[in-house]
Amino acid sequence: MIKVTKLNGRELVVNADLIEFIESTPDTLISLTTGRKIMVLEDIDDVVTRAVGYRSRARIYPIPTGGTGSVFEG
């Protein structure tokens, strides 16, 4: 879970495992695998850093460093 700030200033906790992609529109838009979209004040790099940090701390899955990025790669 990562904490982000909505445009109205309210904090929100997002399940980082559900992040499908993040884009700058120019505000940062987080799109989730559920289809929900969340506009936040943090910039893209900050959201990515938080998501990677969460995964690292949670020791969920290793982050692919090469190849196709498939979790099924040896």
C-alpha atoms as a PDB file:
ATOM      1  CA  MET A   1       0.000   0.000   0.000  1.00  0.00           C
ATOM      2  CA  ILE A   2       1.270   3.493  -0.801  1.00  0.00           C
ATOM      3  CA  LYS A   3       0.032   6.837   0.460  1.00  0.00           C
ATOM      4  CA  VAL A   4      -0.745   9.537  -2.123  1.00  0.00           C
ATOM      5  CA  THR A   5      -2.526  12.894  -2.067  1.00  0.00           C
ATOM      6  CA  LYS A   6      -5.622  13.586  -4.152  1.00  0.00           C
ATOM      7  CA  LEU A   7      -5.954  16.970  -5.873  1.00  0.00           C
ATOM      8  CA  ASN A   8      -8.299  18.162  -3.107  1.00  0.00           C
ATOM      9  CA  GLY A   9      -5.504  17.610  -0.546  1.00  0.00           C
ATOM     10  CA  ARG A  10      -6.967  14.479   1.044  1.00  0.00           C
ATOM     11  CA  GLU A  11      -4.650  11.534   1.590  1.00  0.00           C
ATOM     12  CA  LEU A  12      -5.470   8.202   0.051  1.00  0.00           C
ATOM     13  CA  VAL A  13      -3.842   4.789   0.396  1.00  0.00           C
ATOM     14  CA  VAL A  14      -3.574   2.812  -2.853  1.00  0.00           C
ATOM     15  CA  ASN A  15      -2.866  -0.880  -3.284  1.00  0.00           C
ATOM     16  CA  ALA A  16       0.398  -0.665  -5.271  1.00  0.00           C
ATOM     17  CA  ASP A  17      -0.186  -4.168  -6.665  1.00  0.00           C
ATOM     18  CA  LEU A  18      -3.200  -2.835  -8.583  1.00  0.00           C
ATOM     19  CA  ILE A  19      -1.304  -0.067 -10.424  1.00  0.00           C
ATOM     20  CA  GLU A  20      -1.428  -0.801 -14.148  1.00  0.00           C
ATOM     21  CA  PHE A  21       0.239   2.404 -15.355  1.00  0.00           C
ATOM     22  CA  ILE A  22       0.939   6.006 -14.366  1.00  0.00           C
ATOM     23  CA  GLU A  23       0.854   9.005 -16.683  1.00  0.00           C
ATOM     24  CA  SER A  24       1.394  12.744 -16.531  1.00  0.00           C
ATOM     25  CA  THR A  25      -1.516  14.684 -18.047  1.00  0.00           C
ATOM     26  CA  PRO A  26       0.078  17.187 -16.667  1.00  0.00           C
ATOM     27  CA  ASP A  27      -1.277  16.042 -13.274  1.00  0.00           C
ATOM     28  CA  THR A  28      -0.296  12.501 -12.308  1.00  0.00           C
ATOM     29  CA  LEU A  29      -2.964   9.958 -13.191  1.00  0.00           C
ATOM     30  CA  ILE A  30      -2.755   6.478 -11.642  1.00  0.00           C
ATOM     31  CA  SER A  31      -4.714   3.823 -13.550  1.00  0.00           C
ATOM     32  CA  LEU A  32      -5.548   0.657 -11.651  1.00  0.00           C
ATOM     33  CA  THR A  33      -6.191  -2.819 -13.014  1.00  0.00           C
ATOM     34  CA  THR A  34      -9.752  -2.446 -11.692  1.00  0.00           C
ATOM     35  CA  GLY A  35     -10.396   0.342 -14.214  1.00  0.00           C
ATOM     36  CA  ARG A  36     -10.421   3.063 -11.573  1.00  0.00           C
ATOM     37  CA  LYS A  37      -8.316   6.172 -12.213  1.00  0.00           C
ATOM     38  CA  ILE A  38      -6.933   8.428  -9.477  1.00  0.00           C
ATOM     39  CA  MET A  39      -5.479  11.908 -10.048  1.00  0.00           C
ATOM     40  CA  VAL A  40      -2.783  12.742  -7.468  1.00  0.00           C
ATOM     41  CA  LEU A  41      -0.487  15.632  -6.532  1.00  0.00           C
ATOM     42  CA  GLU A  42       2.712  13.536  -6.431  1.00  0.00           C
ATOM     43  CA  ASP A  43       4.807  13.377  -9.604  1.00  0.00           C
ATOM     44  CA  ILE A  44       5.309  10.156 -11.551  1.00  0.00           C
ATOM     45  CA  ASP A  45       8.799   9.493 -10.194  1.00  0.00           C
ATOM     46  CA  ASP A  46       7.574   9.826  -6.602  1.00  0.00           C
ATOM     47  CA  VAL A  47       4.695   7.374  -7.157  1.00  0.00           C
ATOM     48  CA  VAL A  48       7.027   4.884  -8.856  1.00  0.00           C
ATOM     49  CA  THR A  49       9.561   5.196  -6.009  1.00  0.00           C
ATOM     50  CA  ARG A  50       6.834   4.544  -3.450  1.00  0.00           C
ATOM     51  CA  ALA A  51       5.459   1.539  -5.366  1.00  0.00           C
ATOM     52  CA  VAL A  52       8.905  -0.009  -5.832  1.00  0.00           C
ATOM     53  CA  GLY A  53       9.729   0.664  -2.183  1.00  0.00           C
ATOM     54  CA  TYR A  54       6.511  -1.006  -1.088  1.00  0.00           C
ATOM     55  CA  ARG A  55       7.246  -4.110  -3.159  1.00  0.00           C
ATOM     56  CA  SER A  56      10.794  -4.211  -1.849  1.00  0.00           C
ATOM     57  CA  ARG A  57       9.688  -3.941   1.781  1.00  0.00           C
ATOM     58  CA  ALA A  58       6.867  -6.442   1.327  1.00  0.00           C
ATOM     59  CA  ARG A  59       9.194  -8.857  -0.502  1.00  0.00           C
ATOM     60  CA  ILE A  60       6.307  -9.869  -2.705  1.00  0.00           C
ATOM     61  CA  TYR A  61       7.886 -10.603  -6.077  1.00  0.00           C
ATOM     62  CA  PRO A  62      11.312  -9.735  -7.409  1.00  0.00           C
ATOM     63  CA  ILE A  63      11.290  -6.822  -9.816  1.00  0.00           C
ATOM     64  CA  PRO A  64      12.437  -8.087 -13.252  1.00  0.00           C
ATOM     65  CA  THR A  65      15.786  -6.635 -14.301  1.00  0.00           C
ATOM     66  CA  GLY A  66      15.841  -7.806 -17.888  1.00  0.00           C
ATOM     67  CA  GLY A  67      14.316 -10.086 -20.466  1.00  0.00           C
ATOM     68  CA  THR A  68      10.615  -9.785 -21.194  1.00  0.00           C
ATOM     69  CA  GLY A  69       9.686  -8.889 -17.645  1.00  0.00           C
ATOM     70  CA  SER A  70       7.507 -11.962 -17.337  1.00  0.00           C
ATOM     71  CA  VAL A  71       7.117 -13.435 -13.852  1.00  0.00           C
ATOM     72  CA  PHE A  72       7.319 -16.821 -15.584  1.00  0.00           C
ATOM     73  CA  GLU A  73      10.926 -16.265 -16.713  1.00  0.00           C
ATOM     74  CA  GLY A  74      13.471 -18.518 -15.006  1.00  0.00           C
END
